[in-house]
Amino acid sequence: MTDCTYCGAPVEPHDPVYVDELVDGERTTTGRFCNYACLTATSRRPG
C-alpha cells in the first residue's frame, strides 16, 4: 500500500488524491494523499 504524504495512512482505502508535477519535462507523482483534508493541510503548512 502507498502511504499518505501528510499523515502516513494508507491511501488506497480512502478517496486518494495524487499530485503530479513536471520534473525535467516529465510528469512525476510528487505527493499522495488519503483525502482532500490531508492535501489541504499540507498546502497550508509553513515552508
PDB file of N, CA and C in Angstrom:
ATOM      1  N   MET A   1       0.837  -1.192   0.000  1.00  0.00           N
ATOM      2  CA  MET A   1       0.000   0.000   0.000  1.00  0.00           C
ATOM      3  C   MET A   1       0.881   1.254   0.000  1.00  0.00           C
ATOM      4  N   THR A   2       0.320   2.324  -0.502  1.00  0.00           N
ATOM      5  CA  THR A   2       1.021   3.592  -0.578  1.00  0.00           C
ATOM      6  C   THR A   2       0.604   4.472   0.592  1.00  0.00           C
ATOM      7  N   ASP A   3       1.572   5.075   1.271  1.00  0.00           N
ATOM      8  CA  ASP A   3       1.271   5.926   2.424  1.00  0.00           C
ATOM      9  C   ASP A   3       1.007   7.368   2.010  1.00  0.00           C
ATOM     10  N   CYS A   4       0.124   8.019   2.774  1.00  0.00           N
ATOM     11  CA  CYS A   4      -0.193   9.429   2.589  1.00  0.00           C
ATOM     12  C   CYS A   4       1.049  10.271   2.892  1.00  0.00           C
ATOM     13  N   THR A   5       1.328  11.234   2.043  1.00  0.00           N
ATOM     14  CA  THR A   5       2.466  12.124   2.224  1.00  0.00           C
ATOM     15  C   THR A   5       2.344  12.917   3.518  1.00  0.00           C
ATOM     16  N   TYR A   6       1.117  13.238   3.927  1.00  0.00           N
ATOM     17  CA  TYR A   6       0.902  14.073   5.110  1.00  0.00           C
ATOM     18  C   TYR A   6       0.796  13.269   6.402  1.00  0.00           C
ATOM     19  N   CYS A   7      -0.105  12.288   6.446  1.00  0.00           N
ATOM     20  CA  CYS A   7      -0.382  11.621   7.727  1.00  0.00           C
ATOM     21  C   CYS A   7       0.172  10.203   7.823  1.00  0.00           C
ATOM     22  N   GLY A   8       0.630   9.631   6.712  1.00  0.00           N
ATOM     23  CA  GLY A   8       1.210   8.302   6.736  1.00  0.00           C
ATOM     24  C   GLY A   8       0.212   7.156   6.639  1.00  0.00           C
ATOM     25  N   ALA A   9      -1.088   7.459   6.576  1.00  0.00           N
ATOM     26  CA  ALA A   9      -2.111   6.415   6.450  1.00  0.00           C
ATOM     27  C   ALA A   9      -2.090   5.849   5.032  1.00  0.00           C
ATOM     28  N   PRO A  10      -2.483   4.582   4.863  1.00  0.00           N
ATOM     29  CA  PRO A  10      -2.583   4.015   3.511  1.00  0.00           C
ATOM     30  C   PRO A  10      -3.627   4.791   2.698  1.00  0.00           C
ATOM     31  N   VAL A  11      -3.296   5.147   1.466  1.00  0.00           N
ATOM     32  CA  VAL A  11      -4.225   5.953   0.666  1.00  0.00           C
ATOM     33  C   VAL A  11      -5.298   5.118  -0.025  1.00  0.00           C
ATOM     34  N   GLU A  12      -5.021   3.858  -0.330  1.00  0.00           N
ATOM     35  CA  GLU A  12      -5.944   3.052  -1.128  1.00  0.00           C
ATOM     36  C   GLU A  12      -7.342   2.875  -0.520  1.00  0.00           C
ATOM     37  N   PRO A  13      -7.504   2.704   0.815  1.00  0.00           N
ATOM     38  CA  PRO A  13      -8.851   2.517   1.357  1.00  0.00           C
ATOM     39  C   PRO A  13      -9.706   3.790   1.332  1.00  0.00           C
ATOM     40  N   HIS A  14      -9.115   4.914   0.990  1.00  0.00           N
ATOM     41  CA  HIS A  14      -9.824   6.202   1.007  1.00  0.00           C
ATOM     42  C   HIS A  14     -10.088   6.660  -0.420  1.00  0.00           C
ATOM     43  N   ASP A  15     -10.418   7.910  -0.580  1.00  0.00           N
ATOM     44  CA  ASP A  15     -10.590   8.509  -1.902  1.00  0.00           C
ATOM     45  C   ASP A  15      -9.303   9.286  -2.185  1.00  0.00           C
ATOM     46  N   PRO A  16      -8.250   8.600  -2.651  1.00  0.00           N
ATOM     47  CA  PRO A  16      -6.935   9.227  -2.720  1.00  0.00           C
ATOM     48  C   PRO A  16      -6.833  10.363  -3.738  1.00  0.00           C
ATOM     49  N   VAL A  17      -5.914  11.269  -3.440  1.00  0.00           N
ATOM     50  CA  VAL A  17      -5.594  12.385  -4.318  1.00  0.00           C
ATOM     51  C   VAL A  17      -4.102  12.290  -4.614  1.00  0.00           C
ATOM     52  N   TYR A  18      -3.739  12.332  -5.886  1.00  0.00           N
ATOM     53  CA  TYR A  18      -2.336  12.282  -6.281  1.00  0.00           C
ATOM     54  C   TYR A  18      -1.954  13.616  -6.892  1.00  0.00           C
ATOM     55  N   VAL A  19      -0.785  14.122  -6.532  1.00  0.00           N
ATOM     56  CA  VAL A  19      -0.289  15.387  -7.059  1.00  0.00           C
ATOM     57  C   VAL A  19       0.874  15.080  -7.992  1.00  0.00           C
ATOM     58  N   ASP A  20       0.765  15.542  -9.232  1.00  0.00           N
ATOM     59  CA  ASP A  20       1.826  15.373 -10.212  1.00  0.00           C
ATOM     60  C   ASP A  20       2.407  16.740 -10.556  1.00  0.00           C
ATOM     61  N   GLU A  21       3.705  16.755 -10.843  1.00  0.00           N
ATOM     62  CA  GLU A  21       4.388  17.961 -11.294  1.00  0.00           C
ATOM     63  C   GLU A  21       5.281  17.590 -12.464  1.00  0.00           C
ATOM     64  N   LEU A  22       5.631  18.594 -13.258  1.00  0.00           N
ATOM     65  CA  LEU A  22       6.581  18.361 -14.339  1.00  0.00           C
ATOM     66  C   LEU A  22       7.988  18.441 -13.764  1.00  0.00           C
ATOM     67  N   VAL A  23       8.745  17.361 -13.909  1.00  0.00           N
ATOM     68  CA  VAL A  23      10.127  17.310 -13.465  1.00  0.00           C
ATOM     69  C   VAL A  23      10.969  16.937 -14.679  1.00  0.00           C
ATOM     70  N   ASP A  24      11.829  17.856 -15.084  1.00  0.00           N
ATOM     71  CA  ASP A  24      12.655  17.645 -16.281  1.00  0.00           C
ATOM     72  C   ASP A  24      11.804  17.293 -17.489  1.00  0.00           C
ATOM     73  N   GLY A  25      10.650  17.962 -17.608  1.00  0.00           N
ATOM     74  CA  GLY A  25       9.781  17.763 -18.755  1.00  0.00           C
ATOM     75  C   GLY A  25       8.901  16.533 -18.696  1.00  0.00           C
ATOM     76  N   GLU A  26       8.977  15.760 -17.604  1.00  0.00           N
ATOM     77  CA  GLU A  26       8.158  14.566 -17.471  1.00  0.00           C
ATOM     78  C   GLU A  26       7.214  14.701 -16.279  1.00  0.00           C
ATOM     79  N   ARG A  27       6.009  14.201 -16.453  1.00  0.00           N
ATOM     80  CA  ARG A  27       5.017  14.220 -15.377  1.00  0.00           C
ATOM     81  C   ARG A  27       5.409  13.190 -14.318  1.00  0.00           C
ATOM     82  N   THR A  28       5.552  13.654 -13.061  1.00  0.00           N
ATOM     83  CA  THR A  28       6.014  12.807 -11.969  1.00  0.00           C
ATOM     84  C   THR A  28       5.111  12.995 -10.762  1.00  0.00           C
ATOM     85  N   THR A  29       4.696  11.896 -10.123  1.00  0.00           N
ATOM     86  CA  THR A  29       3.891  11.984  -8.909  1.00  0.00           C
ATOM     87  C   THR A  29       4.784  12.458  -7.771  1.00  0.00           C
ATOM     88  N   THR A  30       4.411  13.585  -7.160  1.00  0.00           N
ATOM     89  CA  THR A  30       5.227  14.165  -6.091  1.00  0.00           C
ATOM     90  C   THR A  30       4.535  14.122  -4.740  1.00  0.00           C
ATOM     91  N   GLY A  31       3.274  13.712  -4.699  1.00  0.00           N
ATOM     92  CA  GLY A  31       2.551  13.607  -3.446  1.00  0.00           C
ATOM     93  C   GLY A  31       1.383  12.655  -3.568  1.00  0.00           C
ATOM     94  N   ARG A  32       1.089  11.979  -2.454  1.00  0.00           N
ATOM     95  CA  ARG A  32      -0.051  11.059  -2.390  1.00  0.00           C
ATOM     96  C   ARG A  32      -0.782  11.355  -1.094  1.00  0.00           C
ATOM     97  N   PHE A  33      -2.080  11.575  -1.189  1.00  0.00           N
ATOM     98  CA  PHE A  33      -2.849  11.975  -0.021  1.00  0.00           C
ATOM     99  C   PHE A  33      -4.092  11.103   0.100  1.00  0.00           C
ATOM    100  N   CYS A  34      -4.445  10.714   1.348  1.00  0.00           N
ATOM    101  CA  CYS A  34      -5.586   9.816   1.547  1.00  0.00           C
ATOM    102  C   CYS A  34      -6.916  10.539   1.320  1.00  0.00           C
ATOM    103  N   ASN A  35      -6.911  11.860   1.374  1.00  0.00           N
ATOM    104  CA  ASN A  35      -8.129  12.628   1.104  1.00  0.00           C
ATOM    105  C   ASN A  35      -7.777  14.096   0.917  1.00  0.00           C
ATOM    106  N   TYR A  36      -8.764  14.905   0.599  1.00  0.00           N
ATOM    107  CA  TYR A  36      -8.525  16.326   0.353  1.00  0.00           C
ATOM    108  C   TYR A  36      -8.130  17.070   1.618  1.00  0.00           C
ATOM    109  N   ALA A  37      -8.548  16.580   2.799  1.00  0.00           N
ATOM    110  CA  ALA A  37      -8.177  17.241   4.059  1.00  0.00           C
ATOM    111  C   ALA A  37      -6.663  17.208   4.254  1.00  0.00           C
ATOM    112  N   CYS A  38      -6.040  16.069   3.999  1.00  0.00           N
ATOM    113  CA  CYS A  38      -4.579  15.971   4.138  1.00  0.00           C
ATOM    114  C   CYS A  38      -3.882  16.831   3.075  1.00  0.00           C
ATOM    115  N   LEU A  39      -4.418  16.856   1.874  1.00  0.00           N
ATOM    116  CA  LEU A  39      -3.842  17.692   0.816  1.00  0.00           C
ATOM    117  C   LEU A  39      -3.913  19.156   1.231  1.00  0.00           C
ATOM    118  N   THR A  40      -5.064  19.593   1.734  1.00  0.00           N
ATOM    119  CA  THR A  40      -5.245  20.975   2.160  1.00  0.00           C
ATOM    120  C   THR A  40      -4.330  21.309   3.334  1.00  0.00           C
ATOM    121  N   ALA A  41      -4.220  20.418   4.298  1.00  0.00           N
ATOM    122  CA  ALA A  41      -3.343  20.647   5.454  1.00  0.00           C
ATOM    123  C   ALA A  41      -1.901  20.790   5.021  1.00  0.00           C
ATOM    124  N   THR A  42      -1.479  20.017   4.045  1.00  0.00           N
ATOM    125  CA  THR A  42      -0.109  20.101   3.542  1.00  0.00           C
ATOM    126  C   THR A  42       0.132  21.444   2.862  1.00  0.00           C
ATOM    127  N   SER A  43      -0.826  21.895   2.083  1.00  0.00           N
ATOM    128  CA  SER A  43      -0.641  23.160   1.345  1.00  0.00           C
ATOM    129  C   SER A  43      -0.681  24.366   2.277  1.00  0.00           C
ATOM    130  N   ARG A  44      -1.222  24.213   3.475  1.00  0.00           N
ATOM    131  CA  ARG A  44      -1.291  25.328   4.430  1.00  0.00           C
ATOM    132  C   ARG A  44      -0.136  25.320   5.431  1.00  0.00           C
ATOM    133  N   ARG A  45       0.689  24.270   5.399  1.00  0.00           N
ATOM    134  CA  ARG A  45       1.843  24.184   6.294  1.00  0.00           C
ATOM    135  C   ARG A  45       2.891  25.209   5.893  1.00  0.00           C
ATOM    136  N   PRO A  46       3.486  25.910   6.868  1.00  0.00           N
ATOM    137  CA  PRO A  46       4.550  26.853   6.524  1.00  0.00           C
ATOM    138  C   PRO A  46       5.751  26.115   5.929  1.00  0.00           C
ATOM    139  N   GLY A  47       6.414  26.764   4.990  1.00  0.00           N
ATOM    140  CA  GLY A  47       7.640  26.219   4.426  1.00  0.00           C
ATOM    141  C   GLY A  47       7.368  25.375   3.297  1.00  0.00           C
TER     142      GLY A  47
END
